[in-house]
Each structure stands twice: as structure tokens, then as C-alpha cells.
């Protein structure tokens, strides 16, 4: 009985529904990426309990995204990304996908998917790659994103080029060692900055908006360095310093001026500072008064 099937990187032109007819029930790996398969997949796929890997990326598939995890109960890798010729899967992502306990790779990028990423996403306990970039997903991001992979196994989180808005959950900044991509959404349309820990890339490996001055103000970063270097945890009063979302203009002893929130004064006298003064103080280019 066929267990492994790899026909990727060819020029096969065929209706995808025909391809999946009479699939061997014990197949473990099905790879048909980089071809010219077209059409939609059946809404109800054959039950393939042993299938671990399903890849049909870079074809010309369309139609409603099937509920893969309902038919493939032990699926570990699902990649149907990059559907060409201005087509792609449509509709929402099934709730069953978010309940999968075996998925390690979930790549649905470059389709036409709609709906949201729900709080159920936190159930993906062993996920390593989560890519839904270049779709039409919207609404706010759930805090449960920080629970993916137990907060440690996720290495790649790409939600870029969608219509997500609202506040970026601070839990995203706690994804140890992950690369986080959120560009080309609607986060800049809000008055809230990105969480400080994420902007500073203290726990994540990479954040693609770390240099965005609106979401990650450079003066906030500079003040954070001053706090760390001067042992801020030991200060007499460090009210709001390093708060994930509070404006740095409201941090104890910081005064800003004008609508651009430029720091013009830092007064931390009699506050128990020690350690050293960070070189980042030179990045507070609008400051006219410093009192330590």
C-alpha cells in the first residue's frame, strides 16, 4: 500500500478533486506542491487517519478551505500556501484546525481567507510555524497567541498583510525565540503602541515592526535602556516605567512636550539610581533638562 507520495515540482495540470479520489487509506505523506493543479478540493475529504503531511502549495487551487484536520486526525504539517493566478482558498478557517493537538506546521499564506484568528489558537500546543499572511483576516488578535507551542516551540509567526487592528497582545512578546511578522495590517491606525517587550525583542528572536516609530517609539526604547542600566528595579519610585502600554510621557519623572511626544525633561532626583548611565540617553535629542 502506498505510504508516501511526492509529485512536487512538476508541471502537472489536473483538477485537484480528481487527484484525491481513491487515496490509499494508509498514506502518511502527500506532497503535490509547485504544479498546476486547479479547482477546488472536496468539502468532505476522505478519512486518512495516518496522514501526517499534506502539501499542495504553489498551485492554482480555489474554493472553500476544507476542514483538513477533521479528515486527517493526526496531521502534523499542512501547507496550501501561495495559490497562483489570483485565486486561492476562501472562507474562514475551521474551528477544528485550532483544536488540533498534532499540528506542527500550518501554512495558509497567500490565499483569500476571511474571518478571524480566535482564542482557540492557544490550543496549538506543538506548533512551530504559523503563517496566514496575505489573506483577508481581520478583527483584533487574541492574547492566546502567546500560548501557541506552549510559548516555546513556535519559531515563526506571520500574520502580515491582513486587516488585523486593535492592540497587539503583550503575550506575543513572550514567544521565546520566535520571529514575529505583523507588517501591513491596521495597528498603526490606533493610538496604542505595540507592547514594550515585543518592541525591544527581549524574548522574541525578531519583530518586523521594531523600527516602526509609531508602534515602537525610539524615545521609549532609549528610556528603557536608561532604566535597565541604572538598575530601575531598585529605584525608590519607578511608577509606570517599562509598562507594556503606558505612554512613556507618563513614566515617573519624564516630561514630554508638543504633539510628537518628544521627551524634553527627565527628573529622577532622590530616586535611588545606581549602576551606570546608558549611552541611549544620547537618543533623547529633544531633551533640554536632565536631573539625576
C-alpha atoms as a PDB file:
ATOM      1  CA  UNK A   1       0.000   0.000   0.000  1.00  0.00           C
ATOM      2  CA  UNK A   2       1.299   3.439  -0.937  1.00  0.00           C
ATOM      3  CA  UNK A   3       2.542   5.324   2.134  1.00  0.00           C
ATOM      4  CA  UNK A   4       4.494   8.237   0.613  1.00  0.00           C
ATOM      5  CA  UNK A   5       3.547  10.280  -2.458  1.00  0.00           C
ATOM      6  CA  UNK A   6       5.638  13.215  -3.698  1.00  0.00           C
ATOM      7  CA  UNK A   7       4.859  14.676  -7.139  1.00  0.00           C
ATOM      8  CA  UNK A   8       6.047  18.195  -6.338  1.00  0.00           C
ATOM      9  CA  UNK A   9       7.976  20.481  -8.704  1.00  0.00           C
ATOM     10  CA  UNK A  10       6.448  19.290 -11.941  1.00  0.00           C
ATOM     11  CA  UNK A  11       4.008  20.808 -14.449  1.00  0.00           C
ATOM     12  CA  UNK A  12       1.059  18.548 -13.733  1.00  0.00           C
ATOM     13  CA  UNK A  13      -2.183  20.211 -14.832  1.00  0.00           C
ATOM     14  CA  UNK A  14      -5.191  18.460 -13.354  1.00  0.00           C
ATOM     15  CA  UNK A  15      -8.341  19.064 -11.363  1.00  0.00           C
ATOM     16  CA  UNK A  16      -7.328  18.673  -7.730  1.00  0.00           C
ATOM     17  CA  UNK A  17     -10.587  16.898  -6.856  1.00  0.00           C
ATOM     18  CA  UNK A  18      -9.697  14.088  -9.256  1.00  0.00           C
ATOM     19  CA  UNK A  19      -6.224  13.807  -7.785  1.00  0.00           C
ATOM     20  CA  UNK A  20      -7.556  12.998  -4.346  1.00  0.00           C
ATOM     21  CA  UNK A  21     -10.002  10.308  -5.427  1.00  0.00           C
ATOM     22  CA  UNK A  22      -9.354   6.822  -4.048  1.00  0.00           C
ATOM     23  CA  UNK A  23      -6.410   7.894  -1.929  1.00  0.00           C
ATOM     24  CA  UNK A  24      -4.754   4.899  -0.229  1.00  0.00           C
ATOM     25  CA  UNK A  25      -6.102   4.814   3.338  1.00  0.00           C
ATOM     26  CA  UNK A  26      -2.697   4.262   4.968  1.00  0.00           C
ATOM     27  CA  UNK A  27      -0.850   7.081   3.226  1.00  0.00           C
ATOM     28  CA  UNK A  28       1.351   9.150   5.544  1.00  0.00           C
ATOM     29  CA  UNK A  29       2.751  11.812   3.260  1.00  0.00           C
ATOM     30  CA  UNK A  30       1.121  13.581   0.312  1.00  0.00           C
ATOM     31  CA  UNK A  31       3.112  16.334  -1.417  1.00  0.00           C
ATOM     32  CA  UNK A  32       1.988  17.937  -4.676  1.00  0.00           C
ATOM     33  CA  UNK A  33       3.378  21.473  -4.403  1.00  0.00           C
ATOM     34  CA  UNK A  34       4.660  23.576  -7.288  1.00  0.00           C
ATOM     35  CA  UNK A  35       2.456  22.234 -10.035  1.00  0.00           C
ATOM     36  CA  UNK A  36      -0.583  23.457 -11.941  1.00  0.00           C
ATOM     37  CA  UNK A  37      -3.375  21.727 -10.056  1.00  0.00           C
ATOM     38  CA  UNK A  38      -6.560  23.767 -10.225  1.00  0.00           C
ATOM     39  CA  UNK A  39     -10.130  23.770  -8.990  1.00  0.00           C
ATOM     40  CA  UNK A  40     -11.444  23.173  -5.503  1.00  0.00           C
ATOM     41  CA  UNK A  41     -10.967  20.344  -3.073  1.00  0.00           C
ATOM     42  CA  UNK A  42     -13.983  18.350  -1.868  1.00  0.00           C
ATOM     43  CA  UNK A  43     -15.666  19.904   1.168  1.00  0.00           C
ATOM     44  CA  UNK A  44     -15.560  16.462   2.765  1.00  0.00           C
ATOM     45  CA  UNK A  45     -12.216  14.754   2.303  1.00  0.00           C
ATOM     46  CA  UNK A  46     -11.589  11.039   2.686  1.00  0.00           C
ATOM     47  CA  UNK A  47     -10.761   9.954   6.196  1.00  0.00           C
ATOM     48  CA  UNK A  48      -6.990   9.372   6.220  1.00  0.00           C
ATOM     49  CA  UNK A  49      -6.108   8.675   9.861  1.00  0.00           C
ATOM     50  CA  UNK A  50      -2.398   8.091   9.230  1.00  0.00           C
ATOM     51  CA  UNK A  51      -1.692  11.154   7.075  1.00  0.00           C
ATOM     52  CA  UNK A  52       0.990  13.307   8.699  1.00  0.00           C
ATOM     53  CA  UNK A  53       1.958  15.694   5.909  1.00  0.00           C
ATOM     54  CA  UNK A  54      -0.270  17.351   3.300  1.00  0.00           C
ATOM     55  CA  UNK A  55       1.253  19.919   0.937  1.00  0.00           C
ATOM     56  CA  UNK A  56      -0.308  21.492  -2.142  1.00  0.00           C
ATOM     57  CA  UNK A  57       1.401  24.880  -2.066  1.00  0.00           C
ATOM     58  CA  UNK A  58       2.028  26.932  -5.209  1.00  0.00           C
ATOM     59  CA  UNK A  59      -0.783  25.642  -7.387  1.00  0.00           C
ATOM     60  CA  UNK A  60      -3.993  27.334  -8.551  1.00  0.00           C
ATOM     61  CA  UNK A  61      -6.490  25.941  -6.071  1.00  0.00           C
ATOM     62  CA  UNK A  62      -9.685  27.771  -5.161  1.00  0.00           C
ATOM     63  CA  UNK A  63     -12.971  27.340  -3.322  1.00  0.00           C
ATOM     64  CA  UNK A  64     -13.794  26.980   0.349  1.00  0.00           C
ATOM     65  CA  UNK A  65     -10.935  25.849   2.558  1.00  0.00           C
ATOM     66  CA  UNK A  66     -11.714  22.250   3.559  1.00  0.00           C
ATOM     67  CA  UNK A  67     -11.675  21.077   7.158  1.00  0.00           C
ATOM     68  CA  UNK A  68      -8.407  19.185   6.821  1.00  0.00           C
ATOM     69  CA  UNK A  69      -7.983  18.287  10.475  1.00  0.00           C
ATOM     70  CA  UNK A  70     -11.392  16.649  10.693  1.00  0.00           C
ATOM     71  CA  UNK A  71     -10.417  14.158   7.979  1.00  0.00           C
ATOM     72  CA  UNK A  72      -6.708  13.948   8.818  1.00  0.00           C
ATOM     73  CA  UNK A  73      -6.845  13.421  12.573  1.00  0.00           C
ATOM     74  CA  UNK A  74      -3.083  13.146  13.157  1.00  0.00           C
ATOM     75  CA  UNK A  75      -1.930  15.768  10.652  1.00  0.00           C
ATOM     76  CA  UNK A  76       1.378  17.421  11.566  1.00  0.00           C
ATOM     77  CA  UNK A  77       2.147  19.562   8.504  1.00  0.00           C
ATOM     78  CA  UNK A  78      -0.415  21.435   6.408  1.00  0.00           C
ATOM     79  CA  UNK A  79       0.792  23.714   3.621  1.00  0.00           C
ATOM     80  CA  UNK A  80      -1.634  25.016   0.991  1.00  0.00           C
ATOM     81  CA  UNK A  81       0.009  28.424   0.663  1.00  0.00           C
ATOM     82  CA  UNK A  82       0.774  30.598  -2.352  1.00  0.00           C
ATOM     83  CA  UNK A  83      -2.106  29.745  -4.661  1.00  0.00           C
ATOM     84  CA  UNK A  84      -1.435  31.458  -8.002  1.00  0.00           C
ATOM     85  CA  UNK A  85      -3.410  33.128 -10.807  1.00  0.00           C
ATOM     86  CA  UNK A  86      -5.354  35.408  -8.439  1.00  0.00           C
ATOM     87  CA  UNK A  87      -7.264  32.503  -6.951  1.00  0.00           C
ATOM     88  CA  UNK A  88      -6.879  30.773  -3.618  1.00  0.00           C
ATOM     89  CA  UNK A  89      -8.914  29.261  -0.830  1.00  0.00           C
ATOM     90  CA  UNK A  90     -11.753  31.344   0.554  1.00  0.00           C
ATOM     91  CA  UNK A  91     -13.957  31.372   3.614  1.00  0.00           C
ATOM     92  CA  UNK A  92     -12.999  31.084   7.291  1.00  0.00           C
ATOM     93  CA  UNK A  93     -10.565  28.672   8.880  1.00  0.00           C
ATOM     94  CA  UNK A  94     -12.444  25.821  10.544  1.00  0.00           C
ATOM     95  CA  UNK A  95     -12.549  25.777  14.340  1.00  0.00           C
ATOM     96  CA  UNK A  96     -11.313  22.185  14.201  1.00  0.00           C
ATOM     97  CA  UNK A  97      -7.956  23.447  12.936  1.00  0.00           C
ATOM     98  CA  UNK A  98      -7.476  25.467  16.120  1.00  0.00           C
ATOM     99  CA  UNK A  99      -8.218  22.383  18.210  1.00  0.00           C
ATOM    100  CA  UNK A 100      -5.535  20.231  16.619  1.00  0.00           C
ATOM    101  CA  UNK A 101      -3.066  18.775  19.101  1.00  0.00           C
ATOM    102  CA  UNK A 102      -0.685  17.428  16.462  1.00  0.00           C
ATOM    103  CA  UNK A 103      -0.115  20.325  14.010  1.00  0.00           C
ATOM    104  CA  UNK A 104       3.494  21.484  13.838  1.00  0.00           C
ATOM    105  CA  UNK A 105       3.330  23.477  10.592  1.00  0.00           C
ATOM    106  CA  UNK A 106       0.272  25.451   9.489  1.00  0.00           C
ATOM    107  CA  UNK A 107       0.873  27.498   6.341  1.00  0.00           C
ATOM    108  CA  UNK A 108      -2.193  29.084   4.739  1.00  0.00           C
ATOM    109  CA  UNK A 109      -0.426  32.168   3.368  1.00  0.00           C
ATOM    110  CA  UNK A 110      -1.327  33.847   0.076  1.00  0.00           C
ATOM    111  CA  UNK A 111      -4.968  32.826  -0.167  1.00  0.00           C
ATOM    112  CA  UNK A 112      -8.231  34.728   0.185  1.00  0.00           C
ATOM    113  CA  UNK A 113      -9.286  33.593   3.636  1.00  0.00           C
ATOM    114  CA  UNK A 114     -11.625  35.693   5.749  1.00  0.00           C
ATOM    115  CA  UNK A 115     -12.707  35.734   9.378  1.00  0.00           C
ATOM    116  CA  UNK A 116     -10.578  35.952  12.494  1.00  0.00           C
ATOM    117  CA  UNK A 117      -7.905  34.170  14.489  1.00  0.00           C
ATOM    118  CA  UNK A 118      -9.899  33.085  17.561  1.00  0.00           C
ATOM    119  CA  UNK A 119      -8.797  32.445  21.115  1.00  0.00           C
ATOM    120  CA  UNK A 120      -8.820  28.723  20.266  1.00  0.00           C
ATOM    121  CA  UNK A 121      -5.450  29.276  18.586  1.00  0.00           C
ATOM    122  CA  UNK A 122      -3.866  28.786  22.001  1.00  0.00           C
ATOM    123  CA  UNK A 123      -4.694  25.074  21.739  1.00  0.00           C
ATOM    124  CA  UNK A 124      -1.980  24.524  19.113  1.00  0.00           C
ATOM    125  CA  UNK A 125       0.407  23.156  21.688  1.00  0.00           C
ATOM    126  CA  UNK A 126       3.203  21.863  19.420  1.00  0.00           C
ATOM    127  CA  UNK A 127       3.010  24.347  16.541  1.00  0.00           C
ATOM    128  CA  UNK A 128       6.360  25.553  15.175  1.00  0.00           C
ATOM    129  CA  UNK A 129       5.287  27.519  12.074  1.00  0.00           C
ATOM    130  CA  UNK A 130       2.083  29.560  11.825  1.00  0.00           C
ATOM    131  CA  UNK A 131       1.714  31.561   8.615  1.00  0.00           C
ATOM    132  CA  UNK A 132      -1.554  33.131   7.482  1.00  0.00           C
ATOM    133  CA  UNK A 133      -0.007  36.157   5.791  1.00  0.00           C
ATOM    134  CA  UNK A 134      -1.526  37.767   2.710  1.00  0.00           C
ATOM    135  CA  UNK A 135      -5.167  36.960   3.362  1.00  0.00           C
ATOM    136  CA  UNK A 136      -8.224  38.999   4.371  1.00  0.00           C
ATOM    137  CA  UNK A 137      -8.327  38.130   8.061  1.00  0.00           C
ATOM    138  CA  UNK A 138      -9.398  40.889  10.418  1.00  0.00           C
ATOM    139  CA  UNK A 139     -10.514  41.877  13.923  1.00  0.00           C
ATOM    140  CA  UNK A 140      -8.184  42.047  16.929  1.00  0.00           C
ATOM    141  CA  UNK A 141      -5.565  39.483  17.876  1.00  0.00           C
ATOM    142  CA  UNK A 142      -6.295  37.195  20.836  1.00  0.00           C
ATOM    143  CA  UNK A 143      -3.963  37.102  23.814  1.00  0.00           C
ATOM    144  CA  UNK A 144      -3.881  33.311  23.408  1.00  0.00           C
ATOM    145  CA  UNK A 145      -1.370  33.750  20.577  1.00  0.00           C
ATOM    146  CA  UNK A 146       1.190  33.757  23.352  1.00  0.00           C
ATOM    147  CA  UNK A 147       0.177  30.210  24.304  1.00  0.00           C
ATOM    148  CA  UNK A 148       0.957  28.673  20.905  1.00  0.00           C
ATOM    149  CA  UNK A 149       3.513  25.930  21.253  1.00  0.00           C
ATOM    150  CA  UNK A 150       3.453  26.312  24.992  1.00  0.00           C
ATOM    151  CA  UNK A 151       5.202  29.650  24.495  1.00  0.00           C
ATOM    152  CA  UNK A 152       8.394  27.877  23.447  1.00  0.00           C
ATOM    153  CA  UNK A 153       8.114  25.686  20.347  1.00  0.00           C
ATOM    154  CA  UNK A 154       6.774  28.354  17.945  1.00  0.00           C
ATOM    155  CA  UNK A 155       9.590  29.697  15.763  1.00  0.00           C
ATOM    156  CA  UNK A 156       7.724  31.556  13.020  1.00  0.00           C
ATOM    157  CA  UNK A 157       4.559  33.648  13.420  1.00  0.00           C
ATOM    158  CA  UNK A 158       3.488  35.533  10.286  1.00  0.00           C
ATOM    159  CA  UNK A 159       0.201  37.451  10.335  1.00  0.00           C
ATOM    160  CA  UNK A 160       1.358  40.182   7.957  1.00  0.00           C
ATOM    161  CA  UNK A 161      -0.690  41.670   5.118  1.00  0.00           C
ATOM    162  CA  UNK A 162      -4.155  41.186   6.565  1.00  0.00           C
ATOM    163  CA  UNK A 163      -6.583  43.614   8.201  1.00  0.00           C
ATOM    164  CA  UNK A 164      -5.867  42.986  11.881  1.00  0.00           C
ATOM    165  CA  UNK A 165      -6.350  46.007  14.120  1.00  0.00           C
ATOM    166  CA  UNK A 166      -6.553  46.998  17.771  1.00  0.00           C
ATOM    167  CA  UNK A 167      -3.942  46.364  20.436  1.00  0.00           C
ATOM    168  CA  UNK A 168      -1.155  43.858  19.871  1.00  0.00           C
ATOM    169  CA  UNK A 169      -1.316  41.485  22.871  1.00  0.00           C
ATOM    170  CA  UNK A 170       1.733  41.693  25.117  1.00  0.00           C
ATOM    171  CA  UNK A 171       1.739  37.890  25.255  1.00  0.00           C
ATOM    172  CA  UNK A 172       3.087  37.877  21.678  1.00  0.00           C
ATOM    173  CA  UNK A 173       6.279  39.394  23.039  1.00  0.00           C
ATOM    174  CA  UNK A 174       6.688  36.379  25.322  1.00  0.00           C
ATOM    175  CA  UNK A 175       7.022  33.843  22.488  1.00  0.00           C
ATOM    176  CA  UNK A 176      10.526  32.686  23.316  1.00  0.00           C
ATOM    177  CA  UNK A 177      12.798  32.665  20.257  1.00  0.00           C
ATOM    178  CA  UNK A 178      10.018  33.272  17.728  1.00  0.00           C
ATOM    179  CA  UNK A 179      10.219  35.528  14.679  1.00  0.00           C
ATOM    180  CA  UNK A 180       7.086  37.698  14.615  1.00  0.00           C
ATOM    181  CA  UNK A 181       5.788  39.388  11.453  1.00  0.00           C
ATOM    182  CA  UNK A 182       2.837  41.786  11.680  1.00  0.00           C
ATOM    183  CA  UNK A 183       3.506  44.346   8.926  1.00  0.00           C
ATOM    184  CA  UNK A 184       0.816  45.705   6.618  1.00  0.00           C
ATOM    185  CA  UNK A 185      -2.126  45.455   8.976  1.00  0.00           C
ATOM    186  CA  UNK A 186      -4.035  48.269  10.685  1.00  0.00           C
ATOM    187  CA  UNK A 187      -2.249  48.502  14.007  1.00  0.00           C
ATOM    188  CA  UNK A 188      -0.843  51.928  13.158  1.00  0.00           C
ATOM    189  CA  UNK A 189      -4.402  53.278  12.936  1.00  0.00           C
ATOM    190  CA  UNK A 190      -4.828  53.035  16.710  1.00  0.00           C
ATOM    191  CA  UNK A 191      -3.452  55.283  19.442  1.00  0.00           C
ATOM    192  CA  UNK A 192      -1.880  52.342  21.290  1.00  0.00           C
ATOM    193  CA  UNK A 193       1.761  51.449  20.863  1.00  0.00           C
ATOM    194  CA  UNK A 194       2.985  47.900  20.489  1.00  0.00           C
ATOM    195  CA  UNK A 195       3.904  46.189  23.774  1.00  0.00           C
ATOM    196  CA  UNK A 196       7.288  47.302  25.024  1.00  0.00           C
ATOM    197  CA  UNK A 197       8.724  43.819  25.491  1.00  0.00           C
ATOM    198  CA  UNK A 198       7.954  42.967  21.862  1.00  0.00           C
ATOM    199  CA  UNK A 199       9.467  46.205  20.555  1.00  0.00           C
ATOM    200  CA  UNK A 200      12.667  45.565  22.487  1.00  0.00           C
ATOM    201  CA  UNK A 201      12.815  41.968  21.169  1.00  0.00           C
ATOM    202  CA  UNK A 202      13.777  40.789  24.639  1.00  0.00           C
ATOM    203  CA  UNK A 203      12.243  37.339  24.296  1.00  0.00           C
ATOM    204  CA  UNK A 204      11.340  37.016  20.625  1.00  0.00           C
ATOM    205  CA  UNK A 205      14.055  36.478  18.045  1.00  0.00           C
ATOM    206  CA  UNK A 206      12.734  39.116  15.636  1.00  0.00           C
ATOM    207  CA  UNK A 207       9.881  41.605  15.334  1.00  0.00           C
ATOM    208  CA  UNK A 208       9.406  43.132  11.897  1.00  0.00           C
ATOM    209  CA  UNK A 209       7.875  46.364  13.271  1.00  0.00           C
ATOM    210  CA  UNK A 210      10.565  47.037  15.869  1.00  0.00           C
ATOM    211  CA  UNK A 211      11.781  50.031  13.825  1.00  0.00           C
ATOM    212  CA  UNK A 212       8.289  51.462  13.313  1.00  0.00           C
ATOM    213  CA  UNK A 213       8.418  54.788  15.176  1.00  0.00           C
ATOM    214  CA  UNK A 214       4.643  54.852  15.672  1.00  0.00           C
ATOM    215  CA  UNK A 215       4.301  51.422  17.239  1.00  0.00           C
ATOM    216  CA  UNK A 216       7.752  51.281  18.842  1.00  0.00           C
ATOM    217  CA  UNK A 217       8.747  54.874  19.684  1.00  0.00           C
ATOM    218  CA  UNK A 218      12.555  55.162  19.762  1.00  0.00           C
ATOM    219  CA  UNK A 219      12.440  57.517  22.748  1.00  0.00           C
ATOM    220  CA  UNK A 220      10.596  54.839  24.734  1.00  0.00           C
ATOM    221  CA  UNK A 221      13.333  52.378  23.807  1.00  0.00           C
ATOM    222  CA  UNK A 222      16.003  54.829  24.965  1.00  0.00           C
ATOM    223  CA  UNK A 223      14.292  55.394  28.299  1.00  0.00           C
ATOM    224  CA  UNK A 224      14.027  51.626  28.754  1.00  0.00           C
ATOM    225  CA  UNK A 225      17.795  51.296  28.324  1.00  0.00           C
ATOM    226  CA  UNK A 226      18.313  54.031  30.931  1.00  0.00           C
ATOM    227  CA  UNK A 227      16.060  52.145  33.341  1.00  0.00           C
ATOM    228  CA  UNK A 228      17.957  48.898  32.888  1.00  0.00           C
ATOM    229  CA  UNK A 229      21.419  50.447  33.123  1.00  0.00           C
ATOM    230  CA  UNK A 230      20.554  52.477  36.214  1.00  0.00           C
ATOM    231  CA  UNK A 231      19.021  49.439  37.985  1.00  0.00           C
ATOM    232  CA  UNK A 232      15.474  50.710  37.727  1.00  0.00           C
ATOM    233  CA  UNK A 233      14.075  47.735  39.618  1.00  0.00           C
ATOM    234  CA  UNK A 234      15.780  49.190  42.715  1.00  0.00           C
ATOM    235  CA  UNK A 235      14.505  52.758  42.298  1.00  0.00           C
ATOM    236  CA  UNK A 236      12.509  54.380  45.045  1.00  0.00           C
ATOM    237  CA  UNK A 237       9.752  55.244  42.596  1.00  0.00           C
ATOM    238  CA  UNK A 238       9.651  53.744  39.112  1.00  0.00           C
ATOM    239  CA  UNK A 239       5.947  54.303  38.528  1.00  0.00           C
ATOM    240  CA  UNK A 240       4.861  53.126  35.064  1.00  0.00           C
ATOM    241  CA  UNK A 241       8.423  52.617  33.854  1.00  0.00           C
ATOM    242  CA  UNK A 242       8.538  49.622  31.477  1.00  0.00           C
ATOM    243  CA  UNK A 243       4.751  49.324  31.478  1.00  0.00           C
ATOM    244  CA  UNK A 244       3.832  47.447  28.300  1.00  0.00           C
ATOM    245  CA  UNK A 245       1.412  50.093  27.024  1.00  0.00           C
ATOM    246  CA  UNK A 246       1.547  53.240  29.186  1.00  0.00           C
ATOM    247  CA  UNK A 247       2.847  56.300  27.378  1.00  0.00           C
ATOM    248  CA  UNK A 248       6.465  56.930  28.281  1.00  0.00           C
ATOM    249  CA  UNK A 249       5.442  60.548  28.806  1.00  0.00           C
ATOM    250  CA  UNK A 250       3.576  59.305  31.897  1.00  0.00           C
ATOM    251  CA  UNK A 251       6.563  57.469  33.343  1.00  0.00           C
ATOM    252  CA  UNK A 252       7.713  58.889  36.678  1.00  0.00           C
ATOM    253  CA  UNK A 253       9.961  61.905  36.152  1.00  0.00           C
ATOM    254  CA  UNK A 254       9.533  62.118  32.366  1.00  0.00           C
ATOM    255  CA  UNK A 255       8.127  65.254  30.757  1.00  0.00           C
ATOM    256  CA  UNK A 256       7.142  65.488  27.099  1.00  0.00           C
ATOM    257  CA  UNK A 257       6.258  68.497  25.020  1.00  0.00           C
ATOM    258  CA  UNK A 258       4.290  69.035  21.793  1.00  0.00           C
ATOM    259  CA  UNK A 259       2.043  66.581  19.944  1.00  0.00           C
ATOM    260  CA  UNK A 260       5.003  64.455  18.880  1.00  0.00           C
ATOM    261  CA  UNK A 261       5.601  63.265  22.460  1.00  0.00           C
ATOM    262  CA  UNK A 262       9.250  64.267  22.448  1.00  0.00           C
ATOM    263  CA  UNK A 263      10.998  63.922  25.809  1.00  0.00           C
ATOM    264  CA  UNK A 264      12.237  67.346  26.967  1.00  0.00           C
ATOM    265  CA  UNK A 265      12.927  66.670  30.641  1.00  0.00           C
ATOM    266  CA  UNK A 266      13.933  63.728  32.828  1.00  0.00           C
ATOM    267  CA  UNK A 267      13.959  64.314  36.591  1.00  0.00           C
ATOM    268  CA  UNK A 268      14.924  61.311  38.724  1.00  0.00           C
ATOM    269  CA  UNK A 269      16.464  63.069  41.729  1.00  0.00           C
ATOM    270  CA  UNK A 270      16.496  61.262  45.089  1.00  0.00           C
ATOM    271  CA  UNK A 271      15.273  58.086  43.442  1.00  0.00           C
ATOM    272  CA  UNK A 272      17.973  55.589  44.370  1.00  0.00           C
ATOM    273  CA  UNK A 273      19.673  55.324  40.987  1.00  0.00           C
ATOM    274  CA  UNK A 274      22.819  53.233  40.732  1.00  0.00           C
ATOM    275  CA  UNK A 275      24.694  51.321  38.055  1.00  0.00           C
ATOM    276  CA  UNK A 276      25.599  53.417  35.057  1.00  0.00           C
ATOM    277  CA  UNK A 277      24.016  55.884  32.664  1.00  0.00           C
ATOM    278  CA  UNK A 278      23.164  54.262  29.324  1.00  0.00           C
ATOM    279  CA  UNK A 279      24.571  55.695  26.103  1.00  0.00           C
ATOM    280  CA  UNK A 280      20.989  55.623  24.814  1.00  0.00           C
ATOM    281  CA  UNK A 281      20.431  58.903  26.595  1.00  0.00           C
ATOM    282  CA  UNK A 282      22.007  60.446  23.533  1.00  0.00           C
ATOM    283  CA  UNK A 283      18.940  59.351  21.540  1.00  0.00           C
ATOM    284  CA  UNK A 284      16.761  61.766  23.529  1.00  0.00           C
ATOM    285  CA  UNK A 285      17.674  64.523  21.124  1.00  0.00           C
ATOM    286  CA  UNK A 286      14.911  66.905  22.214  1.00  0.00           C
ATOM    287  CA  UNK A 287      15.782  66.779  25.909  1.00  0.00           C
ATOM    288  CA  UNK A 288      16.830  70.111  27.423  1.00  0.00           C
ATOM    289  CA  UNK A 289      16.960  69.184  31.113  1.00  0.00           C
ATOM    290  CA  UNK A 290      18.341  66.114  32.887  1.00  0.00           C
ATOM    291  CA  UNK A 291      18.341  65.935  36.679  1.00  0.00           C
ATOM    292  CA  UNK A 292      19.575  62.767  38.355  1.00  0.00           C
END
